[in-house]
Amino acid sequence: MPIAVDIDVMLAKRKMSVGELAERVGITPANLAVLKNGRAKAVRFTTLAALCEVLECQPGDLLRWEAEPDAAGAAGAANSIDAIAATAD
């Protein structure tokens, strides 16, 4: 998934357990684990705001975008095909 979740990094910096964070944010430890492990399909802004408030951080400290290796390769291949097609004309 191109969105990486770094909640575990912030938990370590704040010396806080998953259980404590879940309790303070108001979500179940199981739902926090789904988010923390990158298996969540979505996150509510209210949950993100609560995480940021408790961890005293910005959303960008918890979420980051990573390019998928296949996506870059596919775009490069498409550009190569376009270049070959243009020279064939």
N, C-alpha and C. Protein backbone atom coordinates (compact mmCIF):
# COMPACT_ATOMS: atom_id res chain seq x y z
N MET A 1 0.85 -1.18 0.00
CA MET A 1 0.00 0.00 0.00
C MET A 1 0.89 1.24 0.00
N PRO A 2 0.57 2.25 -0.79
CA PRO A 2 1.44 3.42 -0.87
C PRO A 2 1.40 4.34 0.34
N ILE A 3 0.44 4.16 1.24
CA ILE A 3 0.41 4.97 2.47
C ILE A 3 0.99 4.13 3.59
N ALA A 4 2.09 4.60 4.17
CA ALA A 4 2.74 3.91 5.28
C ALA A 4 2.30 4.57 6.58
N VAL A 5 2.09 3.76 7.60
CA VAL A 5 1.64 4.25 8.91
C VAL A 5 2.79 4.10 9.90
N ASP A 6 3.14 5.21 10.55
CA ASP A 6 4.27 5.22 11.48
C ASP A 6 3.84 5.44 12.93
N ILE A 7 2.70 4.89 13.30
CA ILE A 7 2.22 5.04 14.68
C ILE A 7 3.22 4.41 15.65
N ASP A 8 3.80 3.28 15.27
CA ASP A 8 4.74 2.61 16.17
C ASP A 8 5.96 3.48 16.46
N VAL A 9 6.38 4.28 15.49
CA VAL A 9 7.51 5.20 15.71
C VAL A 9 7.15 6.23 16.77
N MET A 10 5.95 6.81 16.64
CA MET A 10 5.52 7.82 17.61
C MET A 10 5.28 7.20 18.98
N LEU A 11 4.77 5.97 19.01
CA LEU A 11 4.58 5.29 20.30
C LEU A 11 5.91 5.12 21.00
N ALA A 12 6.94 4.73 20.26
CA ALA A 12 8.27 4.55 20.86
C ALA A 12 8.82 5.88 21.35
N LYS A 13 8.65 6.94 20.55
CA LYS A 13 9.15 8.26 20.95
C LYS A 13 8.46 8.75 22.22
N ARG A 14 7.19 8.44 22.35
CA ARG A 14 6.40 8.90 23.52
C ARG A 14 6.42 7.88 24.66
N LYS A 15 7.10 6.75 24.44
CA LYS A 15 7.16 5.68 25.45
C LYS A 15 5.76 5.31 25.94
N MET A 16 4.89 5.02 24.96
CA MET A 16 3.50 4.72 25.25
C MET A 16 3.15 3.36 24.65
N SER A 17 2.30 2.62 25.32
CA SER A 17 1.87 1.31 24.82
C SER A 17 0.68 1.47 23.88
N VAL A 18 0.45 0.45 23.07
CA VAL A 18 -0.71 0.44 22.17
C VAL A 18 -1.99 0.51 22.99
N GLY A 19 -2.05 -0.23 24.08
CA GLY A 19 -3.24 -0.23 24.93
C GLY A 19 -3.54 1.14 25.52
N GLU A 20 -2.49 1.82 25.98
CA GLU A 20 -2.68 3.16 26.54
C GLU A 20 -3.15 4.14 25.47
N LEU A 21 -2.53 4.07 24.28
CA LEU A 21 -2.95 4.97 23.20
C LEU A 21 -4.40 4.70 22.81
N ALA A 22 -4.76 3.44 22.65
CA ALA A 22 -6.14 3.10 22.28
C ALA A 22 -7.13 3.65 23.31
N GLU A 23 -6.81 3.47 24.58
CA GLU A 23 -7.70 3.95 25.64
C GLU A 23 -7.83 5.47 25.60
N ARG A 24 -6.72 6.17 25.45
CA ARG A 24 -6.74 7.63 25.46
C ARG A 24 -7.42 8.21 24.21
N VAL A 25 -7.32 7.49 23.08
CA VAL A 25 -7.95 7.95 21.84
C VAL A 25 -9.43 7.57 21.80
N GLY A 26 -9.79 6.46 22.46
CA GLY A 26 -11.18 6.02 22.48
C GLY A 26 -11.51 5.02 21.39
N ILE A 27 -10.52 4.22 20.99
CA ILE A 27 -10.76 3.15 20.02
C ILE A 27 -10.27 1.84 20.63
N THR A 28 -10.70 0.73 20.06
CA THR A 28 -10.29 -0.56 20.61
C THR A 28 -8.84 -0.84 20.23
N PRO A 29 -8.12 -1.59 21.06
CA PRO A 29 -6.75 -1.98 20.70
C PRO A 29 -6.71 -2.74 19.37
N ALA A 30 -7.75 -3.52 19.09
CA ALA A 30 -7.79 -4.27 17.82
C ALA A 30 -7.86 -3.31 16.62
N ASN A 31 -8.69 -2.28 16.72
CA ASN A 31 -8.79 -1.30 15.62
C ASN A 31 -7.51 -0.50 15.48
N LEU A 32 -6.87 -0.18 16.59
CA LEU A 32 -5.60 0.53 16.54
C LEU A 32 -4.54 -0.35 15.88
N ALA A 33 -4.55 -1.64 16.18
CA ALA A 33 -3.60 -2.58 15.57
C ALA A 33 -3.80 -2.66 14.07
N VAL A 34 -5.05 -2.66 13.61
CA VAL A 34 -5.34 -2.68 12.17
C VAL A 34 -4.74 -1.44 11.50
N LEU A 35 -4.92 -0.29 12.13
CA LEU A 35 -4.38 0.95 11.59
C LEU A 35 -2.85 0.93 11.64
N LYS A 36 -2.31 0.54 12.78
CA LYS A 36 -0.86 0.55 12.99
C LYS A 36 -0.13 -0.38 12.03
N ASN A 37 -0.75 -1.49 11.70
CA ASN A 37 -0.11 -2.48 10.83
C ASN A 37 -0.37 -2.24 9.35
N GLY A 38 -1.02 -1.13 9.02
CA GLY A 38 -1.23 -0.77 7.62
C GLY A 38 -2.33 -1.55 6.93
N ARG A 39 -3.21 -2.18 7.68
CA ARG A 39 -4.29 -2.97 7.08
C ARG A 39 -5.58 -2.18 6.94
N ALA A 40 -5.63 -0.97 7.47
CA ALA A 40 -6.85 -0.16 7.41
C ALA A 40 -7.04 0.38 6.00
N LYS A 41 -8.27 0.43 5.55
CA LYS A 41 -8.60 1.00 4.24
C LYS A 41 -8.87 2.50 4.35
N ALA A 42 -9.19 2.96 5.54
CA ALA A 42 -9.52 4.37 5.74
C ALA A 42 -9.32 4.71 7.21
N VAL A 43 -9.20 6.00 7.48
CA VAL A 43 -9.15 6.48 8.86
C VAL A 43 -9.98 7.76 8.93
N ARG A 44 -10.81 7.86 9.92
CA ARG A 44 -11.63 9.07 10.09
C ARG A 44 -10.73 10.22 10.54
N PHE A 45 -11.07 11.41 10.07
CA PHE A 45 -10.31 12.59 10.49
C PHE A 45 -10.40 12.79 12.00
N THR A 46 -11.54 12.44 12.60
CA THR A 46 -11.67 12.60 14.05
C THR A 46 -10.71 11.66 14.78
N THR A 47 -10.52 10.43 14.24
CA THR A 47 -9.58 9.50 14.84
C THR A 47 -8.16 9.99 14.65
N LEU A 48 -7.85 10.47 13.45
CA LEU A 48 -6.51 11.01 13.18
C LEU A 48 -6.22 12.20 14.08
N ALA A 49 -7.21 13.07 14.25
CA ALA A 49 -7.03 14.24 15.12
C ALA A 49 -6.80 13.81 16.57
N ALA A 50 -7.54 12.80 17.03
CA ALA A 50 -7.37 12.31 18.40
C ALA A 50 -5.99 11.68 18.57
N LEU A 51 -5.53 10.92 17.57
CA LEU A 51 -4.18 10.33 17.64
C LEU A 51 -3.13 11.43 17.74
N CYS A 52 -3.28 12.46 16.91
CA CYS A 52 -2.32 13.56 16.92
C CYS A 52 -2.34 14.32 18.26
N GLU A 53 -3.53 14.50 18.81
CA GLU A 53 -3.65 15.20 20.09
C GLU A 53 -2.95 14.42 21.20
N VAL A 54 -3.22 13.13 21.28
CA VAL A 54 -2.64 12.30 22.34
C VAL A 54 -1.13 12.15 22.16
N LEU A 55 -0.69 11.97 20.91
CA LEU A 55 0.74 11.77 20.65
C LEU A 55 1.50 13.08 20.48
N GLU A 56 0.76 14.21 20.51
CA GLU A 56 1.35 15.53 20.35
C GLU A 56 2.22 15.59 19.09
N CYS A 57 1.55 15.33 17.95
CA CYS A 57 2.26 15.31 16.68
C CYS A 57 1.35 15.82 15.57
N GLN A 58 1.86 15.85 14.37
CA GLN A 58 1.13 16.25 13.18
C GLN A 58 0.73 15.01 12.39
N PRO A 59 -0.31 15.08 11.55
CA PRO A 59 -0.70 13.92 10.76
C PRO A 59 0.45 13.34 9.92
N GLY A 60 1.32 14.21 9.43
CA GLY A 60 2.46 13.76 8.64
C GLY A 60 3.48 12.96 9.45
N ASP A 61 3.41 13.05 10.77
CA ASP A 61 4.28 12.23 11.62
C ASP A 61 3.77 10.80 11.69
N LEU A 62 2.48 10.61 11.39
CA LEU A 62 1.86 9.29 11.48
C LEU A 62 1.67 8.62 10.12
N LEU A 63 1.49 9.42 9.07
CA LEU A 63 1.20 8.89 7.74
C LEU A 63 2.19 9.46 6.74
N ARG A 64 2.65 8.61 5.81
CA ARG A 64 3.51 9.08 4.73
C ARG A 64 3.21 8.26 3.48
N TRP A 65 3.46 8.88 2.34
CA TRP A 65 3.24 8.23 1.06
C TRP A 65 4.53 7.61 0.56
N GLU A 66 4.43 6.38 0.06
CA GLU A 66 5.57 5.68 -0.54
C GLU A 66 5.15 5.24 -1.93
N ALA A 67 5.99 5.49 -2.90
CA ALA A 67 5.69 5.03 -4.26
C ALA A 67 5.76 3.52 -4.31
N GLU A 68 4.84 2.93 -5.06
CA GLU A 68 4.88 1.48 -5.25
C GLU A 68 5.88 1.17 -6.36
N PRO A 69 6.75 0.19 -6.16
CA PRO A 69 7.77 -0.11 -7.18
C PRO A 69 7.17 -0.45 -8.54
N ASP A 70 6.05 -1.15 -8.58
CA ASP A 70 5.43 -1.54 -9.85
C ASP A 70 4.89 -0.34 -10.60
N ALA A 71 4.39 0.66 -9.86
CA ALA A 71 3.81 1.83 -10.51
C ALA A 71 4.87 2.60 -11.29
N ALA A 72 6.05 2.77 -10.74
CA ALA A 72 7.12 3.50 -11.41
C ALA A 72 7.58 2.71 -12.64
N GLY A 73 7.69 1.41 -12.52
CA GLY A 73 8.11 0.58 -13.63
C GLY A 73 7.09 0.58 -14.75
N ALA A 74 5.83 0.56 -14.42
CA ALA A 74 4.77 0.55 -15.43
C ALA A 74 4.75 1.87 -16.19
N ALA A 75 4.94 2.98 -15.50
CA ALA A 75 4.95 4.28 -16.16
C ALA A 75 6.15 4.39 -17.09
N GLY A 76 7.29 3.89 -16.64
CA GLY A 76 8.48 3.91 -17.48
C GLY A 76 8.30 3.06 -18.72
N ALA A 77 7.67 1.91 -18.58
CA ALA A 77 7.43 1.04 -19.73
C ALA A 77 6.47 1.69 -20.71
N ALA A 78 5.44 2.35 -20.22
CA ALA A 78 4.48 3.02 -21.10
C ALA A 78 5.18 4.14 -21.86
N ASN A 79 6.03 4.90 -21.20
CA ASN A 79 6.76 5.97 -21.88
C ASN A 79 7.69 5.40 -22.94
N SER A 80 8.31 4.24 -22.69
CA SER A 80 9.19 3.61 -23.68
C SER A 80 8.39 3.19 -24.89
N ILE A 81 7.21 2.63 -24.67
CA ILE A 81 6.36 2.21 -25.79
C ILE A 81 5.93 3.41 -26.61
N ASP A 82 5.59 4.50 -25.95
CA ASP A 82 5.19 5.72 -26.66
C ASP A 82 6.35 6.24 -27.50
N ALA A 83 7.56 6.18 -26.95
CA ALA A 83 8.74 6.66 -27.67
C ALA A 83 9.00 5.78 -28.90
N ILE A 84 8.85 4.48 -28.76
CA ILE A 84 9.06 3.56 -29.88
C ILE A 84 8.01 3.80 -30.96
N ALA A 85 6.76 3.99 -30.55
CA ALA A 85 5.67 4.23 -31.49
C ALA A 85 5.89 5.55 -32.25
N ALA A 86 6.40 6.55 -31.56
CA ALA A 86 6.63 7.85 -32.20
C ALA A 86 7.73 7.76 -33.25
N THR A 87 8.76 6.96 -33.00
CA THR A 87 9.85 6.84 -33.95
C THR A 87 9.46 5.96 -35.14
N ALA A 88 8.46 5.11 -34.98
CA ALA A 88 8.03 4.24 -36.07
C ALA A 88 7.24 4.98 -37.12
N ASP A 89 6.66 6.13 -36.76
CA ASP A 89 5.84 6.92 -37.71
C ASP A 89 6.72 7.59 -38.66
